[in-house]
Amino acid sequence: MRRITGIHAVGFSPEGKRLATAGSSGESVKLWNLETRQEVATLNAPGFAFGKVEFSPDGNSILVTSFHDSLSMWRVPSWEEIRAAED
């Protein structure tokens, strides 16, 4: 069976400064800073086939649905947490 890889879903944060992308190639959700165009976090989800990615209205969580109707939810790291992890 051939495995499909690549980005399957994208979602913009409510303030428009972050982008979440989801795909099967890395079985992860990647969080991007749109101002710097840099990846700032990777949220692993082994075995998950992504269908849709959405930020919560307050921008503090990411909800991901699969092609098989299962759900995953992550708390989005704050900018301060991301900066601390980079140091």
PDB file of N, CA and C in Angstrom:
ATOM      1  N   MET A   1       0.839  -1.184   0.000  1.00  0.00           N
ATOM      2  CA  MET A   1       0.000   0.000   0.000  1.00  0.00           C
ATOM      3  C   MET A   1       0.885   1.248   0.000  1.00  0.00           C
ATOM      4  N   ARG A   2       0.595   2.179  -0.877  1.00  0.00           N
ATOM      5  CA  ARG A   2       1.361   3.419  -0.981  1.00  0.00           C
ATOM      6  C   ARG A   2       0.896   4.400   0.084  1.00  0.00           C
ATOM      7  N   ARG A   3       1.841   4.989   0.768  1.00  0.00           N
ATOM      8  CA  ARG A   3       1.531   5.961   1.817  1.00  0.00           C
ATOM      9  C   ARG A   3       1.565   7.368   1.233  1.00  0.00           C
ATOM     10  N   ILE A   4       0.524   8.145   1.497  1.00  0.00           N
ATOM     11  CA  ILE A   4       0.452   9.526   1.016  1.00  0.00           C
ATOM     12  C   ILE A   4       1.152  10.415   2.034  1.00  0.00           C
ATOM     13  N   THR A   5       2.059  11.256   1.563  1.00  0.00           N
ATOM     14  CA  THR A   5       2.773  12.154   2.457  1.00  0.00           C
ATOM     15  C   THR A   5       2.567  13.598   2.028  1.00  0.00           C
ATOM     16  N   GLY A   6       2.922  14.503   2.909  1.00  0.00           N
ATOM     17  CA  GLY A   6       2.810  15.922   2.605  1.00  0.00           C
ATOM     18  C   GLY A   6       1.882  16.622   3.573  1.00  0.00           C
ATOM     19  N   ILE A   7       1.611  17.881   3.311  1.00  0.00           N
ATOM     20  CA  ILE A   7       0.715  18.667   4.166  1.00  0.00           C
ATOM     21  C   ILE A   7      -0.718  18.393   3.750  1.00  0.00           C
ATOM     22  N   HIS A   8      -1.535  18.063   4.733  1.00  0.00           N
ATOM     23  CA  HIS A   8      -2.938  17.740   4.485  1.00  0.00           C
ATOM     24  C   HIS A   8      -3.890  18.811   5.004  1.00  0.00           C
ATOM     25  N   ALA A   9      -3.418  19.636   5.943  1.00  0.00           N
ATOM     26  CA  ALA A   9      -4.317  20.629   6.539  1.00  0.00           C
ATOM     27  C   ALA A   9      -3.511  21.812   7.054  1.00  0.00           C
ATOM     28  N   VAL A  10      -4.123  22.994   7.020  1.00  0.00           N
ATOM     29  CA  VAL A  10      -3.513  24.202   7.571  1.00  0.00           C
ATOM     30  C   VAL A  10      -4.569  24.977   8.352  1.00  0.00           C
ATOM     31  N   GLY A  11      -4.114  25.717   9.335  1.00  0.00           N
ATOM     32  CA  GLY A  11      -5.011  26.571  10.108  1.00  0.00           C
ATOM     33  C   GLY A  11      -4.270  27.801  10.590  1.00  0.00           C
ATOM     34  N   PHE A  12      -4.921  28.957  10.502  1.00  0.00           N
ATOM     35  CA  PHE A  12      -4.344  30.219  10.960  1.00  0.00           C
ATOM     36  C   PHE A  12      -4.870  30.550  12.352  1.00  0.00           C
ATOM     37  N   SER A  13      -3.998  31.118  13.190  1.00  0.00           N
ATOM     38  CA  SER A  13      -4.413  31.554  14.517  1.00  0.00           C
ATOM     39  C   SER A  13      -5.330  32.758  14.387  1.00  0.00           C
ATOM     40  N   PRO A  14      -6.168  33.008  15.404  1.00  0.00           N
ATOM     41  CA  PRO A  14      -7.109  34.137  15.329  1.00  0.00           C
ATOM     42  C   PRO A  14      -6.435  35.496  15.122  1.00  0.00           C
ATOM     43  N   GLU A  15      -5.235  35.688  15.687  1.00  0.00           N
ATOM     44  CA  GLU A  15      -4.569  36.983  15.524  1.00  0.00           C
ATOM     45  C   GLU A  15      -3.778  37.057  14.224  1.00  0.00           C
ATOM     46  N   GLY A  16      -3.704  35.936  13.483  1.00  0.00           N
ATOM     47  CA  GLY A  16      -3.049  35.922  12.189  1.00  0.00           C
ATOM     48  C   GLY A  16      -1.532  35.900  12.221  1.00  0.00           C
ATOM     49  N   LYS A  17      -0.935  35.582  13.383  1.00  0.00           N
ATOM     50  CA  LYS A  17       0.518  35.583  13.484  1.00  0.00           C
ATOM     51  C   LYS A  17       1.126  34.186  13.476  1.00  0.00           C
ATOM     52  N   ARG A  18       0.276  33.157  13.580  1.00  0.00           N
ATOM     53  CA  ARG A  18       0.771  31.779  13.598  1.00  0.00           C
ATOM     54  C   ARG A  18       0.010  30.945  12.587  1.00  0.00           C
ATOM     55  N   LEU A  19       0.680  29.915  12.110  1.00  0.00           N
ATOM     56  CA  LEU A  19       0.098  28.965  11.175  1.00  0.00           C
ATOM     57  C   LEU A  19       0.399  27.572  11.699  1.00  0.00           C
ATOM     58  N   ALA A  20      -0.588  26.699  11.662  1.00  0.00           N
ATOM     59  CA  ALA A  20      -0.381  25.290  12.002  1.00  0.00           C
ATOM     60  C   ALA A  20      -0.550  24.480  10.729  1.00  0.00           C
ATOM     61  N   THR A  21       0.404  23.588  10.459  1.00  0.00           N
ATOM     62  CA  THR A  21       0.314  22.701   9.303  1.00  0.00           C
ATOM     63  C   THR A  21       0.353  21.267   9.810  1.00  0.00           C
ATOM     64  N   ALA A  22      -0.392  20.400   9.154  1.00  0.00           N
ATOM     65  CA  ALA A  22      -0.430  18.998   9.556  1.00  0.00           C
ATOM     66  C   ALA A  22      -0.270  18.124   8.332  1.00  0.00           C
ATOM     67  N   GLY A  23       0.528  17.085   8.494  1.00  0.00           N
ATOM     68  CA  GLY A  23       0.732  16.169   7.388  1.00  0.00           C
ATOM     69  C   GLY A  23       1.199  14.814   7.855  1.00  0.00           C
ATOM     70  N   SER A  24       1.095  13.849   6.978  1.00  0.00           N
ATOM     71  CA  SER A  24       1.439  12.485   7.355  1.00  0.00           C
ATOM     72  C   SER A  24       2.919  12.174   7.223  1.00  0.00           C
ATOM     73  N   SER A  25       3.653  12.976   6.463  1.00  0.00           N
ATOM     74  CA  SER A  25       5.055  12.639   6.244  1.00  0.00           C
ATOM     75  C   SER A  25       5.841  12.623   7.553  1.00  0.00           C
ATOM     76  N   GLY A  26       5.554  13.533   8.454  1.00  0.00           N
ATOM     77  CA  GLY A  26       6.225  13.560   9.743  1.00  0.00           C
ATOM     78  C   GLY A  26       5.309  13.172  10.874  1.00  0.00           C
ATOM     79  N   GLU A  27       4.059  12.859  10.553  1.00  0.00           N
ATOM     80  CA  GLU A  27       3.038  12.539  11.555  1.00  0.00           C
ATOM     81  C   GLU A  27       3.088  13.549  12.696  1.00  0.00           C
ATOM     82  N   SER A  28       3.015  14.817  12.313  1.00  0.00           N
ATOM     83  CA  SER A  28       3.100  15.875  13.304  1.00  0.00           C
ATOM     84  C   SER A  28       2.353  17.111  12.834  1.00  0.00           C
ATOM     85  N   VAL A  29       2.091  17.993  13.815  1.00  0.00           N
ATOM     86  CA  VAL A  29       1.572  19.322  13.532  1.00  0.00           C
ATOM     87  C   VAL A  29       2.731  20.275  13.761  1.00  0.00           C
ATOM     88  N   LYS A  30       2.989  21.124  12.797  1.00  0.00           N
ATOM     89  CA  LYS A  30       4.063  22.108  12.936  1.00  0.00           C
ATOM     90  C   LYS A  30       3.449  23.484  13.115  1.00  0.00           C
ATOM     91  N   LEU A  31       4.012  24.224  14.039  1.00  0.00           N
ATOM     92  CA  LEU A  31       3.560  25.577  14.340  1.00  0.00           C
ATOM     93  C   LEU A  31       4.588  26.548  13.784  1.00  0.00           C
ATOM     94  N   TRP A  32       4.110  27.538  13.023  1.00  0.00           N
ATOM     95  CA  TRP A  32       4.982  28.494  12.336  1.00  0.00           C
ATOM     96  C   TRP A  32       4.699  29.918  12.805  1.00  0.00           C
ATOM     97  N   ASN A  33       5.746  30.714  12.920  1.00  0.00           N
ATOM     98  CA  ASN A  33       5.632  32.144  13.175  1.00  0.00           C
ATOM     99  C   ASN A  33       5.587  32.810  11.805  1.00  0.00           C
ATOM    100  N   LEU A  34       4.460  33.424  11.463  1.00  0.00           N
ATOM    101  CA  LEU A  34       4.309  34.007  10.133  1.00  0.00           C
ATOM    102  C   LEU A  34       5.142  35.275   9.935  1.00  0.00           C
ATOM    103  N   GLU A  35       5.459  35.972  11.032  1.00  0.00           N
ATOM    104  CA  GLU A  35       6.271  37.180  10.889  1.00  0.00           C
ATOM    105  C   GLU A  35       7.714  36.855  10.519  1.00  0.00           C
ATOM    106  N   THR A  36       8.259  35.774  11.110  1.00  0.00           N
ATOM    107  CA  THR A  36       9.651  35.398  10.837  1.00  0.00           C
ATOM    108  C   THR A  36       9.757  34.275   9.800  1.00  0.00           C
ATOM    109  N   ARG A  37       8.618  33.651   9.480  1.00  0.00           N
ATOM    110  CA  ARG A  37       8.561  32.512   8.550  1.00  0.00           C
ATOM    111  C   ARG A  37       9.387  31.332   9.051  1.00  0.00           C
ATOM    112  N   GLN A  38       9.444  31.188  10.374  1.00  0.00           N
ATOM    113  CA  GLN A  38      10.212  30.116  10.999  1.00  0.00           C
ATOM    114  C   GLN A  38       9.289  29.118  11.685  1.00  0.00           C
ATOM    115  N   GLU A  39       9.674  27.847  11.633  1.00  0.00           N
ATOM    116  CA  GLU A  39       8.972  26.826  12.409  1.00  0.00           C
ATOM    117  C   GLU A  39       9.348  27.022  13.872  1.00  0.00           C
ATOM    118  N   VAL A  40       8.361  27.044  14.773  1.00  0.00           N
ATOM    119  CA  VAL A  40       8.659  27.297  16.178  1.00  0.00           C
ATOM    120  C   VAL A  40       8.323  26.117  17.089  1.00  0.00           C
ATOM    121  N   ALA A  41       7.555  25.144  16.606  1.00  0.00           N
ATOM    122  CA  ALA A  41       7.232  23.986  17.444  1.00  0.00           C
ATOM    123  C   ALA A  41       6.746  22.838  16.568  1.00  0.00           C
ATOM    124  N   THR A  42       7.001  21.620  17.040  1.00  0.00           N
ATOM    125  CA  THR A  42       6.479  20.419  16.402  1.00  0.00           C
ATOM    126  C   THR A  42       5.730  19.617  17.447  1.00  0.00           C
ATOM    127  N   LEU A  43       4.492  19.283  17.147  1.00  0.00           N
ATOM    128  CA  LEU A  43       3.636  18.502  18.038  1.00  0.00           C
ATOM    129  C   LEU A  43       3.469  17.122  17.405  1.00  0.00           C
ATOM    130  N   ASN A  44       4.053  16.106  18.011  1.00  0.00           N
ATOM    131  CA  ASN A  44       4.052  14.764  17.422  1.00  0.00           C
ATOM    132  C   ASN A  44       2.724  14.053  17.597  1.00  0.00           C
ATOM    133  N   ALA A  45       2.340  13.326  16.546  1.00  0.00           N
ATOM    134  CA  ALA A  45       1.097  12.546  16.556  1.00  0.00           C
ATOM    135  C   ALA A  45       1.308  11.284  15.724  1.00  0.00           C
ATOM    136  N   PRO A  46       2.092  10.323  16.228  1.00  0.00           N
ATOM    137  CA  PRO A  46       2.387   9.120  15.445  1.00  0.00           C
ATOM    138  C   PRO A  46       1.121   8.366  15.050  1.00  0.00           C
ATOM    139  N   GLY A  47       1.062   7.973  13.794  1.00  0.00           N
ATOM    140  CA  GLY A  47      -0.052   7.172  13.308  1.00  0.00           C
ATOM    141  C   GLY A  47      -1.326   7.942  13.029  1.00  0.00           C
ATOM    142  N   PHE A  48      -1.282   9.248  13.115  1.00  0.00           N
ATOM    143  CA  PHE A  48      -2.475  10.072  12.945  1.00  0.00           C
ATOM    144  C   PHE A  48      -2.567  10.547  11.501  1.00  0.00           C
ATOM    145  N   ALA A  49      -3.704  10.360  10.863  1.00  0.00           N
ATOM    146  CA  ALA A  49      -3.938  10.834   9.494  1.00  0.00           C
ATOM    147  C   ALA A  49      -4.779  12.097   9.564  1.00  0.00           C
ATOM    148  N   PHE A  50      -4.184  13.243   9.303  1.00  0.00           N
ATOM    149  CA  PHE A  50      -4.824  14.530   9.527  1.00  0.00           C
ATOM    150  C   PHE A  50      -5.867  14.875   8.475  1.00  0.00           C
ATOM    151  N   GLY A  51      -6.969  15.453   8.936  1.00  0.00           N
ATOM    152  CA  GLY A  51      -8.011  15.906   8.036  1.00  0.00           C
ATOM    153  C   GLY A  51      -8.222  17.404   8.103  1.00  0.00           C
ATOM    154  N   LYS A  52      -8.163  17.979   9.325  1.00  0.00           N
ATOM    155  CA  LYS A  52      -8.447  19.402   9.507  1.00  0.00           C
ATOM    156  C   LYS A  52      -7.701  19.910  10.739  1.00  0.00           C
ATOM    157  N   VAL A  53      -7.209  21.153  10.671  1.00  0.00           N
ATOM    158  CA  VAL A  53      -6.515  21.797  11.787  1.00  0.00           C
ATOM    159  C   VAL A  53      -7.196  23.119  12.070  1.00  0.00           C
ATOM    160  N   GLU A  54      -7.505  23.375  13.342  1.00  0.00           N
ATOM    161  CA  GLU A  54      -8.112  24.653  13.728  1.00  0.00           C
ATOM    162  C   GLU A  54      -7.538  25.132  15.047  1.00  0.00           C
ATOM    163  N   PHE A  55      -7.332  26.440  15.153  1.00  0.00           N
ATOM    164  CA  PHE A  55      -7.001  27.053  16.442  1.00  0.00           C
ATOM    165  C   PHE A  55      -8.303  27.316  17.188  1.00  0.00           C
ATOM    166  N   SER A  56      -8.243  27.277  18.512  1.00  0.00           N
ATOM    167  CA  SER A  56      -9.396  27.684  19.311  1.00  0.00           C
ATOM    168  C   SER A  56      -9.583  29.185  19.140  1.00  0.00           C
ATOM    169  N   PRO A  57     -10.769  29.713  19.440  1.00  0.00           N
ATOM    170  CA  PRO A  57     -11.008  31.154  19.270  1.00  0.00           C
ATOM    171  C   PRO A  57     -10.027  32.035  20.050  1.00  0.00           C
ATOM    172  N   ASP A  58      -9.525  31.546  21.213  1.00  0.00           N
ATOM    173  CA  ASP A  58      -8.559  32.340  21.977  1.00  0.00           C
ATOM    174  C   ASP A  58      -7.117  32.112  21.516  1.00  0.00           C
ATOM    175  N   GLY A  59      -6.904  31.176  20.565  1.00  0.00           N
ATOM    176  CA  GLY A  59      -5.583  30.911  20.027  1.00  0.00           C
ATOM    177  C   GLY A  59      -4.686  30.076  20.915  1.00  0.00           C
ATOM    178  N   ASN A  60      -5.200  29.563  22.037  1.00  0.00           N
ATOM    179  CA  ASN A  60      -4.388  28.828  23.000  1.00  0.00           C
ATOM    180  C   ASN A  60      -4.351  27.323  22.779  1.00  0.00           C
ATOM    181  N   SER A  61      -5.169  26.817  21.874  1.00  0.00           N
ATOM    182  CA  SER A  61      -5.217  25.385  21.607  1.00  0.00           C
ATOM    183  C   SER A  61      -5.345  25.135  20.115  1.00  0.00           C
ATOM    184  N   ILE A  62      -4.892  23.950  19.696  1.00  0.00           N
ATOM    185  CA  ILE A  62      -5.067  23.503  18.321  1.00  0.00           C
ATOM    186  C   ILE A  62      -5.879  22.212  18.368  1.00  0.00           C
ATOM    187  N   LEU A  63      -6.939  22.166  17.590  1.00  0.00           N
ATOM    188  CA  LEU A  63      -7.776  20.975  17.471  1.00  0.00           C
ATOM    189  C   LEU A  63      -7.522  20.380  16.093  1.00  0.00           C
ATOM    190  N   VAL A  64      -7.234  19.081  16.066  1.00  0.00           N
ATOM    191  CA  VAL A  64      -6.944  18.384  14.819  1.00  0.00           C
ATOM    192  C   VAL A  64      -7.899  17.211  14.689  1.00  0.00           C
ATOM    193  N   THR A  65      -8.533  17.107  13.540  1.00  0.00           N
ATOM    194  CA  THR A  65      -9.388  15.954  13.263  1.00  0.00           C
ATOM    195  C   THR A  65      -8.691  15.078  12.229  1.00  0.00           C
ATOM    196  N   SER A  66      -8.977  13.786  12.302  1.00  0.00           N
ATOM    197  CA  SER A  66      -8.383  12.852  11.357  1.00  0.00           C
ATOM    198  C   SER A  66      -9.381  12.526  10.266  1.00  0.00           C
ATOM    199  N   PHE A  67      -8.898  11.839   9.247  1.00  0.00           N
ATOM    200  CA  PHE A  67      -9.779  11.368   8.186  1.00  0.00           C
ATOM    201  C   PHE A  67     -10.741  10.299   8.708  1.00  0.00           C
ATOM    202  N   HIS A  68     -10.426   9.751   9.891  1.00  0.00           N
ATOM    203  CA  HIS A  68     -11.248   8.694  10.482  1.00  0.00           C
ATOM    204  C   HIS A  68     -12.097   9.215  11.637  1.00  0.00           C
ATOM    205  N   ASP A  69     -12.289  10.533  11.701  1.00  0.00           N
ATOM    206  CA  ASP A  69     -13.141  11.198  12.694  1.00  0.00           C
ATOM    207  C   ASP A  69     -12.643  11.119  14.132  1.00  0.00           C
ATOM    208  N   SER A  70     -11.360  10.887  14.362  1.00  0.00           N
ATOM    209  CA  SER A  70     -10.839  10.997  15.715  1.00  0.00           C
ATOM    210  C   SER A  70     -10.300  12.411  15.914  1.00  0.00           C
ATOM    211  N   LEU A  71     -10.186  12.830  17.160  1.00  0.00           N
ATOM    212  CA  LEU A  71      -9.772  14.193  17.491  1.00  0.00           C
ATOM    213  C   LEU A  71      -8.525  14.179  18.357  1.00  0.00           C
ATOM    214  N   SER A  72      -7.684  15.170  18.185  1.00  0.00           N
ATOM    215  CA  SER A  72      -6.564  15.431  19.086  1.00  0.00           C
ATOM    216  C   SER A  72      -6.552  16.920  19.356  1.00  0.00           C
ATOM    217  N   MET A  73      -6.073  17.275  20.548  1.00  0.00           N
ATOM    218  CA  MET A  73      -6.026  18.686  20.925  1.00  0.00           C
ATOM    219  C   MET A  73      -4.718  18.945  21.669  1.00  0.00           C
ATOM    220  N   TRP A  74      -4.066  20.048  21.329  1.00  0.00           N
ATOM    221  CA  TRP A  74      -2.839  20.448  21.992  1.00  0.00           C
ATOM    222  C   TRP A  74      -2.985  21.876  22.500  1.00  0.00           C
ATOM    223  N   ARG A  75      -2.338  22.139  23.618  1.00  0.00           N
ATOM    224  CA  ARG A  75      -2.206  23.514  24.085  1.00  0.00           C
ATOM    225  C   ARG A  75      -1.075  24.123  23.283  1.00  0.00           C
ATOM    226  N   VAL A  76      -1.288  25.303  22.763  1.00  0.00           N
ATOM    227  CA  VAL A  76      -0.275  25.985  21.953  1.00  0.00           C
ATOM    228  C   VAL A  76       0.737  26.637  22.894  1.00  0.00           C
ATOM    229  N   PRO A  77       2.039  26.381  22.674  1.00  0.00           N
ATOM    230  CA  PRO A  77       3.040  27.044  23.513  1.00  0.00           C
ATOM    231  C   PRO A  77       2.977  28.560  23.348  1.00  0.00           C
ATOM    232  N   SER A  78       3.152  29.269  24.446  1.00  0.00           N
ATOM    233  CA  SER A  78       3.172  30.737  24.372  1.00  0.00           C
ATOM    234  C   SER A  78       4.467  31.179  23.711  1.00  0.00           C
ATOM    235  N   TRP A  79       4.512  32.438  23.265  1.00  0.00           N
ATOM    236  CA  TRP A  79       5.728  32.975  22.663  1.00  0.00           C
ATOM    237  C   TRP A  79       6.875  32.912  23.676  1.00  0.00           C
ATOM    238  N   GLU A  80       6.579  33.147  24.957  1.00  0.00           N
ATOM    239  CA  GLU A  80       7.618  33.095  25.990  1.00  0.00           C
ATOM    240  C   GLU A  80       8.166  31.681  26.127  1.00  0.00           C
ATOM    241  N   GLU A  81       7.308  30.662  26.082  1.00  0.00           N
ATOM    242  CA  GLU A  81       7.762  29.274  26.172  1.00  0.00           C
ATOM    243  C   GLU A  81       8.619  28.913  24.953  1.00  0.00           C
ATOM    244  N   ILE A  82       8.221  29.376  23.789  1.00  0.00           N
ATOM    245  CA  ILE A  82       8.996  29.094  22.574  1.00  0.00           C
ATOM    246  C   ILE A  82      10.369  29.745  22.665  1.00  0.00           C
ATOM    247  N   ARG A  83      10.441  31.003  23.106  1.00  0.00           N
ATOM    248  CA  ARG A  83      11.730  31.693  23.232  1.00  0.00           C
ATOM    249  C   ARG A  83      12.622  30.993  24.247  1.00  0.00           C
ATOM    250  N   ALA A  84      12.050  30.567  25.376  1.00  0.00           N
ATOM    251  CA  ALA A  84      12.829  29.873  26.417  1.00  0.00           C
ATOM    252  C   ALA A  84      13.398  28.552  25.892  1.00  0.00           C
ATOM    253  N   ALA A  85      12.639  27.852  25.071  1.00  0.00           N
ATOM    254  CA  ALA A  85      13.098  26.570  24.516  1.00  0.00           C
ATOM    255  C   ALA A  85      14.207  26.773  23.500  1.00  0.00           C
ATOM    256  N   GLU A  86      14.227  27.931  22.850  1.00  0.00           N
ATOM    257  CA  GLU A  86      15.256  28.216  21.842  1.00  0.00           C
ATOM    258  C   GLU A  86      16.585  28.608  22.474  1.00  0.00           C
ATOM    259  N   ASP A  87      16.560  29.089  23.717  1.00  0.00           N
ATOM    260  CA  ASP A  87      17.803  29.523  24.404  1.00  0.00           C
ATOM    261  C   ASP A  87      18.626  28.347  24.882  1.00  0.00           C
TER     262      ASP A  87
END
